[in-house]
Amino acid sequence: MKTILITGANGQLGNEMRLLAAAHPEYRYVFTDVAELDICNEEAVEQCVAGNEVDIIVNCASSSSWRAAALPSSASP
């Protein structure tokens, strides 16, 4: 059985992935959000992947600040 890691699982897209996962019991799912896994911490991600024997990663994490996302990277909100 393949194991799929879903990051950003408490967000809008992550919640949709939870619904889809229910329809696909042939996979094992690991749902995480920033409280459980900081995806900016490479060591933490490597430990999560190794500890859960992850085969596939789906990153649903995103910024919730549309203003920051809309601004050029050199600008500040």
Protein backbone atom coordinates (compact mmCIF):
# COMPACT_ATOMS: atom_id res chain seq x y z
CA MET A 1 0.00 0.00 0.00
CA LYS A 2 1.35 3.43 -0.96
CA THR A 3 1.51 6.15 1.69
CA ILE A 4 0.61 9.72 0.74
CA LEU A 5 1.67 12.69 2.85
CA ILE A 6 -0.73 15.64 2.59
CA THR A 7 0.68 18.91 3.95
CA GLY A 8 -1.54 21.90 4.66
CA ALA A 9 -4.30 19.47 5.56
CA ASN A 10 -6.37 22.02 7.51
CA GLY A 11 -6.64 24.49 4.64
CA GLN A 12 -9.21 24.67 1.86
CA LEU A 13 -7.36 22.38 -0.54
CA GLY A 14 -6.23 20.07 2.26
CA ASN A 15 -9.82 19.59 3.39
CA GLU A 16 -10.81 18.67 -0.17
CA MET A 17 -7.99 16.12 -0.19
CA ARG A 18 -9.43 14.59 3.00
CA LEU A 19 -12.75 14.11 1.20
CA LEU A 20 -11.05 12.52 -1.79
CA ALA A 21 -8.98 10.27 0.47
CA ALA A 22 -12.13 8.79 1.95
CA ALA A 23 -13.03 7.51 -1.50
CA HIS A 24 -9.60 5.89 -2.00
CA PRO A 25 -8.92 3.43 0.83
CA GLU A 26 -6.31 1.67 -1.31
CA TYR A 27 -3.84 4.33 -0.08
CA ARG A 28 -2.64 5.22 3.41
CA TYR A 29 -2.80 8.94 4.15
CA VAL A 30 -0.80 11.08 6.57
CA PHE A 31 -2.41 14.50 7.02
CA THR A 32 -0.31 17.29 8.53
CA ASP A 33 -0.59 21.01 9.02
CA VAL A 34 1.88 23.58 10.30
CA ALA A 35 1.20 22.56 13.92
CA GLU A 36 2.46 19.03 13.20
CA LEU A 37 5.01 19.69 10.43
CA ASP A 38 6.86 22.85 9.42
CA ILE A 39 7.47 22.25 5.71
CA CYS A 40 10.20 24.91 5.77
CA ASN A 41 12.21 22.69 8.11
CA GLU A 42 13.98 20.21 5.83
CA GLU A 43 15.05 17.92 8.68
CA ALA A 44 11.51 17.74 10.06
CA VAL A 45 10.15 16.86 6.61
CA GLU A 46 12.80 14.17 6.12
CA GLN A 47 11.96 12.67 9.53
CA CYS A 48 8.24 12.70 8.75
CA VAL A 49 8.78 11.06 5.36
CA ALA A 50 11.10 8.39 6.76
CA GLY A 51 9.03 7.75 9.89
CA ASN A 52 5.82 7.29 7.93
CA GLU A 53 7.42 5.52 4.94
CA VAL A 54 5.93 8.13 2.59
CA ASP A 55 5.85 7.33 -1.12
CA ILE A 56 4.08 10.46 -2.39
CA ILE A 57 3.92 14.04 -1.09
CA VAL A 58 1.08 16.40 -1.98
CA ASN A 59 1.78 19.93 -0.75
CA CYS A 60 -1.48 21.77 -0.10
CA ALA A 61 0.13 24.35 2.20
CA SER A 62 -0.23 27.97 1.18
CA SER A 63 -0.10 31.49 2.48
CA SER A 64 -3.39 32.85 3.77
CA SER A 65 -2.39 36.44 3.02
CA TRP A 66 -3.69 37.34 -0.42
CA ARG A 67 -2.15 40.80 -0.13
CA ALA A 68 1.33 39.38 0.42
CA ALA A 69 0.81 36.89 -2.41
CA ALA A 70 -0.29 39.66 -4.79
CA LEU A 71 2.70 41.89 -4.13
CA PRO A 72 6.04 41.57 -5.95
CA SER A 73 8.62 39.78 -3.78
CA SER A 74 10.57 43.04 -3.28
CA ALA A 75 7.53 44.87 -1.85
CA SER A 76 6.21 44.55 1.67
CA PRO A 77 2.55 44.65 2.74
